[in-house]
Amino acid sequence: MSVTKLTARTFFQGSVLASVLLASSVSALPPEHEVRRLMLATEAAVAESRWGEAGEYLNRLQALEAEKPADYLYYRGRVMQEAGHYNEARSALEQYIAAGGREGRHYDSALRLITEVEKAQRAVANGTDASASGEPVAVIEPAGDESVQSLRRLYLADSDAGALTIHMNSLLELNGWRKDRGAVLDGTPPDIQYKVSAGNGEVRIQQAQITTSGGPRRVSTEVMPVYGVNPAVQWDCESATQTCWIYDPRDGSRLFQLGHNRGKTRDAARTFGRLIKTLQNPE
């Protein structure tokens, strides 16, 4: 791992300590001026590749209860990329594009960075990136207290793949994504629903999503052949959007959009990886 990347990653590990140390030196500037000051400091640190320092300023900006400029998202994405946190980097850069549009000062640069991040995600998914970040990964092994055998007994399934499929669908249903997170009513289906089925060396993923017109749900199906696919499935959760993602193990793109429940997202990603591995080695 390069010294630059190691330095960039240290700000994530030391963010709590930095917050404590900085608590005693809170700025007397009004929030809007403090935001501008920290943005200038971040920009200067990034320009000089002082990634750890840039990360510290970004952490302080995040803690401020004040409106932040769109450039905050660009620099967050840039520093996250340098630290090897590719999923978070891509999310921040995409949010920057959405917020600033073509008129954004870093529009072209952000688009190029998204392409670089996409390549890095693909390398991680293929196991070829030696500097892969410490983002959550579903390890393909019996997880927690639920072995495949116990899942078969629980669901009365006649195969490992069948038990994992039922368990995956249960986790997806329990953690469905809703736009209005404050009005989760019993029996109210989520805005996005998934159903997974498996067999013949492939996983079929059906997505049903509500439409803005209030008409029938828009349904699409994606088929994923499992042979040659790395069964290490990545996931992460974004506090800003209250959304969790499970990423496509083929190229690192977003595959499942779920509610903000880290435990259920982790278990679903892990189960998905186990299902892929099971299909690659049929009984």
Protein backbone atom coordinates (compact mmCIF):
# COMPACT_ATOMS: atom_id res chain seq x y z
CA MET A 1 0.00 0.00 0.00
CA SER A 2 1.36 3.44 -0.90
CA VAL A 3 2.25 5.95 1.79
CA THR A 4 -0.27 8.35 0.25
CA LYS A 5 -3.16 5.91 0.59
CA LEU A 6 -2.09 4.93 4.09
CA THR A 7 -2.05 8.58 5.11
CA ALA A 8 -5.46 9.16 3.56
CA ARG A 9 -7.00 6.28 5.44
CA THR A 10 -5.77 7.37 8.84
CA PHE A 11 -8.30 10.19 9.08
CA PHE A 12 -11.17 7.70 9.14
CA GLN A 13 -9.61 5.75 12.00
CA GLY A 14 -8.80 8.91 13.93
CA SER A 15 -11.98 10.89 13.31
CA VAL A 16 -13.39 10.26 16.78
CA LEU A 17 -10.16 11.29 18.48
CA ALA A 18 -9.94 14.38 16.29
CA SER A 19 -13.48 15.35 17.22
CA VAL A 20 -12.60 15.17 20.90
CA LEU A 21 -9.46 17.23 20.47
CA LEU A 22 -11.27 19.83 18.43
CA ALA A 23 -14.18 20.13 20.84
CA SER A 24 -12.20 22.49 23.02
CA SER A 25 -11.36 24.80 20.11
CA VAL A 26 -14.75 25.44 18.56
CA SER A 27 -14.63 28.37 16.14
CA ALA A 28 -16.29 31.63 17.19
CA LEU A 29 -17.18 32.32 13.55
CA PRO A 30 -20.86 32.09 12.56
CA PRO A 31 -21.55 28.71 10.90
CA GLU A 32 -21.78 30.05 7.34
CA HIS A 33 -18.33 31.68 7.63
CA GLU A 34 -16.84 28.61 9.32
CA VAL A 35 -18.13 26.51 6.41
CA ARG A 36 -16.37 28.80 3.96
CA ARG A 37 -13.14 28.77 5.99
CA LEU A 38 -13.07 24.97 6.17
CA MET A 39 -13.92 24.66 2.47
CA LEU A 40 -10.93 26.86 1.59
CA ALA A 41 -8.71 24.77 3.88
CA THR A 42 -9.99 21.55 2.29
CA GLU A 43 -9.38 22.86 -1.21
CA ALA A 44 -5.82 23.85 -0.34
CA ALA A 45 -5.09 20.50 1.32
CA VAL A 46 -6.41 18.54 -1.68
CA ALA A 47 -4.41 20.71 -4.11
CA GLU A 48 -1.25 19.79 -2.19
CA SER A 49 -2.24 16.10 -1.75
CA ARG A 50 -2.38 16.43 2.04
CA TRP A 51 -5.13 13.83 2.24
CA GLY A 52 -5.18 13.26 5.98
CA GLU A 53 -5.53 16.97 6.62
CA ALA A 54 -8.25 17.27 3.98
CA GLY A 55 -10.12 14.44 5.66
CA GLU A 56 -9.93 16.22 9.02
CA TYR A 57 -11.46 19.39 7.52
CA LEU A 58 -14.20 17.34 5.85
CA ASN A 59 -15.04 15.66 9.15
CA ARG A 60 -15.38 19.07 10.78
CA LEU A 61 -17.56 20.31 7.92
CA GLN A 62 -19.80 17.28 8.24
CA ALA A 63 -20.35 18.04 11.93
CA LEU A 64 -21.49 21.61 11.24
CA GLU A 65 -25.22 22.22 11.24
CA ALA A 66 -25.10 24.60 8.31
CA GLU A 67 -25.77 24.44 4.59
CA LYS A 68 -22.73 23.24 2.67
CA PRO A 69 -21.85 24.08 -0.92
CA ALA A 70 -21.97 21.41 -3.62
CA ASP A 71 -18.16 21.47 -3.75
CA TYR A 72 -18.17 19.81 -0.32
CA LEU A 73 -19.49 16.64 -2.00
CA TYR A 74 -16.83 16.82 -4.71
CA TYR A 75 -13.97 17.05 -2.22
CA ARG A 76 -15.52 14.34 -0.06
CA GLY A 77 -15.62 12.06 -3.08
CA ARG A 78 -12.05 12.95 -4.02
CA VAL A 79 -10.69 12.17 -0.54
CA MET A 80 -12.77 9.00 -0.21
CA GLN A 81 -11.37 7.81 -3.53
CA GLU A 82 -7.82 8.43 -2.40
CA ALA A 83 -8.53 6.53 0.82
CA GLY A 84 -9.81 3.54 -1.17
CA HIS A 85 -13.43 3.89 0.03
CA TYR A 86 -14.78 3.55 -3.47
CA ASN A 87 -18.47 3.08 -2.75
CA GLU A 88 -18.65 6.21 -0.61
CA ALA A 89 -16.54 8.12 -3.13
CA ARG A 90 -18.89 7.24 -5.96
CA SER A 91 -21.95 8.19 -3.92
CA ALA A 92 -20.51 11.61 -3.01
CA LEU A 93 -19.45 12.34 -6.60
CA GLU A 94 -22.84 11.34 -7.98
CA GLN A 95 -24.54 13.58 -5.41
CA TYR A 96 -22.23 16.41 -6.51
CA ILE A 97 -23.26 15.97 -10.15
CA ALA A 98 -26.93 15.95 -9.15
CA ALA A 99 -26.52 19.07 -7.00
CA GLY A 100 -24.29 21.15 -9.26
CA GLY A 101 -25.19 19.89 -12.72
CA ARG A 102 -23.23 20.98 -15.78
CA GLU A 103 -22.61 24.38 -14.22
CA GLY A 104 -20.65 22.86 -11.36
CA ARG A 105 -17.04 24.02 -11.14
CA HIS A 106 -15.78 20.43 -10.98
CA TYR A 107 -18.34 18.85 -13.33
CA ASP A 108 -15.87 17.34 -15.83
CA SER A 109 -13.44 16.32 -13.12
CA ALA A 110 -16.21 14.59 -11.14
CA LEU A 111 -17.28 12.62 -14.21
CA ARG A 112 -13.71 11.46 -14.79
CA LEU A 113 -13.35 10.50 -11.13
CA ILE A 114 -16.55 8.45 -11.26
CA THR A 115 -15.05 6.50 -14.16
CA GLU A 116 -11.84 5.94 -12.20
CA VAL A 117 -13.81 4.81 -9.16
CA GLU A 118 -15.84 2.43 -11.33
CA LYS A 119 -12.63 0.84 -12.60
CA ALA A 120 -11.33 0.53 -9.04
CA GLN A 121 -14.59 -1.08 -7.91
CA ARG A 122 -14.31 -3.59 -10.73
CA ALA A 123 -10.74 -4.39 -9.73
CA VAL A 124 -11.84 -4.96 -6.14
CA ALA A 125 -14.70 -7.19 -7.31
CA ASN A 126 -12.23 -9.23 -9.37
CA GLY A 127 -9.78 -9.48 -6.48
CA THR A 128 -7.03 -7.67 -8.37
CA ASP A 129 -6.77 -4.51 -6.25
CA ALA A 130 -4.13 -5.00 -3.57
CA SER A 131 -5.09 -1.71 -1.95
CA ALA A 132 -8.75 -2.60 -1.46
CA SER A 133 -10.40 -0.57 1.27
CA GLY A 134 -11.76 -1.87 4.52
CA GLU A 135 -15.36 -1.54 3.35
CA PRO A 136 -17.74 -4.23 4.54
CA VAL A 137 -17.48 -7.43 2.54
CA ALA A 138 -19.63 -10.51 2.86
CA VAL A 139 -17.24 -13.34 3.69
CA ILE A 140 -18.34 -16.59 2.16
CA GLU A 141 -18.52 -18.81 5.17
CA PRO A 142 -21.19 -19.87 7.67
CA ALA A 143 -22.27 -16.62 9.29
CA GLY A 144 -23.48 -16.10 12.82
CA ASP A 145 -25.61 -18.90 14.18
CA GLU A 146 -27.32 -19.75 10.92
CA SER A 147 -25.64 -22.49 8.93
CA VAL A 148 -27.09 -23.58 5.62
CA GLN A 149 -28.31 -26.75 7.32
CA SER A 150 -30.24 -24.76 9.92
CA LEU A 151 -31.77 -22.61 7.16
CA ARG A 152 -32.90 -25.75 5.34
CA ARG A 153 -34.61 -26.97 8.48
CA LEU A 154 -36.13 -23.55 9.14
CA TYR A 155 -37.61 -23.16 5.67
CA LEU A 156 -38.21 -26.87 4.98
CA ALA A 157 -36.14 -26.48 1.82
CA ASP A 158 -34.90 -29.44 -0.17
CA SER A 159 -31.61 -27.84 -1.24
CA ASP A 160 -28.98 -25.40 0.00
CA ALA A 161 -29.71 -23.03 -2.86
CA GLY A 162 -33.43 -23.15 -2.09
CA ALA A 163 -32.88 -22.31 1.59
CA LEU A 164 -30.52 -19.44 0.80
CA THR A 165 -32.94 -18.04 -1.79
CA ILE A 166 -35.83 -18.01 0.67
CA HIS A 167 -33.63 -16.43 3.34
CA MET A 168 -32.37 -13.78 0.90
CA ASN A 169 -35.92 -12.84 -0.10
CA SER A 170 -36.94 -12.60 3.55
CA LEU A 171 -34.08 -10.20 4.32
CA LEU A 172 -34.84 -8.09 1.25
CA GLU A 173 -38.49 -7.83 2.25
CA LEU A 174 -37.67 -6.85 5.83
CA ASN A 175 -35.35 -4.04 4.70
CA GLY A 176 -37.24 -2.58 1.75
CA TRP A 177 -36.47 0.99 0.69
CA ARG A 178 -39.07 3.71 1.22
CA LYS A 179 -38.85 7.31 0.10
CA ASP A 180 -40.99 8.42 3.04
CA ARG A 181 -39.08 6.86 5.92
CA GLY A 182 -41.23 8.53 8.55
CA ALA A 183 -44.43 6.77 7.50
CA VAL A 184 -43.68 3.07 7.64
CA LEU A 185 -47.04 1.45 8.29
CA ASP A 186 -47.71 -2.21 8.94
CA GLY A 187 -48.60 -3.91 5.70
CA THR A 188 -47.48 -0.99 3.53
CA PRO A 189 -45.12 -2.33 0.86
CA PRO A 190 -41.81 -0.55 0.27
CA ASP A 191 -41.29 1.67 -2.76
CA ILE A 192 -38.78 -0.80 -4.20
CA GLN A 193 -39.25 -4.56 -3.85
CA TYR A 194 -36.95 -7.38 -4.90
CA LYS A 195 -37.44 -11.08 -5.43
CA VAL A 196 -34.56 -13.45 -6.10
CA SER A 197 -34.80 -16.86 -7.72
CA ALA A 198 -31.97 -19.23 -8.59
CA GLY A 199 -31.22 -22.27 -10.70
CA ASN A 200 -29.25 -23.60 -13.67
CA GLY A 201 -26.15 -21.64 -12.74
CA GLU A 202 -27.78 -18.22 -12.59
CA VAL A 203 -29.54 -15.83 -10.24
CA ARG A 204 -32.61 -13.94 -11.45
CA ILE A 205 -33.33 -10.64 -9.71
CA GLN A 206 -36.76 -9.09 -10.15
CA GLN A 207 -37.25 -5.47 -9.14
CA ALA A 208 -40.68 -3.87 -8.74
CA GLN A 209 -40.71 -0.09 -8.24
CA ILE A 210 -43.58 2.34 -7.75
CA THR A 211 -44.03 5.02 -10.41
CA THR A 212 -44.52 8.72 -9.87
CA SER A 213 -47.87 8.53 -11.69
CA GLY A 214 -49.25 6.11 -9.10
CA GLY A 215 -49.91 3.45 -11.73
CA PRO A 216 -48.81 -0.20 -11.68
CA ARG A 217 -45.32 -0.91 -10.41
CA ARG A 218 -42.58 -0.93 -13.01
CA VAL A 219 -41.10 -4.43 -13.06
CA SER A 220 -37.71 -5.42 -14.46
CA THR A 221 -35.68 -8.62 -14.28
CA GLU A 222 -31.93 -9.09 -14.42
CA VAL A 223 -30.23 -12.44 -14.97
CA MET A 224 -26.81 -13.01 -13.44
CA PRO A 225 -24.84 -16.11 -14.52
CA VAL A 226 -22.75 -17.10 -11.51
CA TYR A 227 -19.80 -18.84 -13.12
CA GLY A 228 -16.68 -16.69 -13.01
CA VAL A 229 -18.29 -14.26 -10.53
CA ASN A 230 -16.39 -13.40 -7.36
CA PRO A 231 -18.75 -14.36 -4.49
CA ALA A 232 -17.34 -11.62 -2.21
CA VAL A 233 -20.28 -9.22 -2.17
CA GLN A 234 -19.70 -5.64 -1.04
CA TRP A 235 -22.24 -3.43 0.71
CA ASP A 236 -22.42 -0.14 2.52
CA CYS A 237 -24.89 2.34 4.01
CA GLU A 238 -25.15 6.10 3.50
CA SER A 239 -26.28 8.14 6.47
CA ALA A 240 -26.97 11.20 4.33
CA THR A 241 -29.59 9.42 2.21
CA GLN A 242 -30.61 6.81 4.80
CA THR A 243 -30.02 4.15 2.16
CA CYS A 244 -28.03 0.92 2.08
CA TRP A 245 -26.66 -0.68 -1.07
CA ILE A 246 -25.57 -4.16 -2.09
CA TYR A 247 -23.14 -3.99 -4.99
CA ASP A 248 -22.92 -6.16 -8.07
CA PRO A 249 -19.96 -8.55 -7.61
CA ARG A 250 -19.31 -8.45 -11.36
CA ASP A 251 -18.45 -4.76 -11.69
CA GLY A 252 -19.10 -3.01 -8.36
CA SER A 253 -22.19 -1.16 -9.59
CA ARG A 254 -25.27 -0.75 -7.39
CA LEU A 255 -27.55 -3.77 -7.49
CA PHE A 256 -29.96 -3.68 -4.52
CA GLN A 257 -31.25 -0.43 -2.99
CA LEU A 258 -32.39 -1.13 0.57
CA GLY A 259 -33.53 0.61 3.73
CA HIS A 260 -31.04 1.95 6.25
CA ASN A 261 -30.61 -1.19 8.36
CA ARG A 262 -26.95 -2.14 8.43
CA GLY A 263 -27.49 -5.52 10.07
CA LYS A 264 -30.06 -6.72 7.56
CA THR A 265 -28.06 -5.32 4.63
CA ARG A 266 -24.93 -7.12 5.85
CA ASP A 267 -26.84 -10.38 6.25
CA ALA A 268 -28.46 -10.03 2.83
CA ALA A 269 -25.08 -9.37 1.15
CA ARG A 270 -23.57 -12.33 2.97
CA THR A 271 -26.49 -14.58 2.00
CA PHE A 272 -26.25 -13.42 -1.62
CA GLY A 273 -22.57 -14.33 -1.70
CA ARG A 274 -23.26 -17.75 -0.19
CA LEU A 275 -25.98 -18.34 -2.77
CA ILE A 276 -23.62 -17.49 -5.62
CA LYS A 277 -20.95 -19.84 -4.24
CA THR A 278 -23.49 -22.61 -3.73
CA LEU A 279 -24.68 -22.31 -7.34
CA GLN A 280 -21.07 -22.41 -8.54
CA ASN A 281 -20.63 -25.73 -6.72
CA PRO A 282 -23.99 -27.52 -7.16
CA GLU A 283 -24.86 -30.49 -5.00
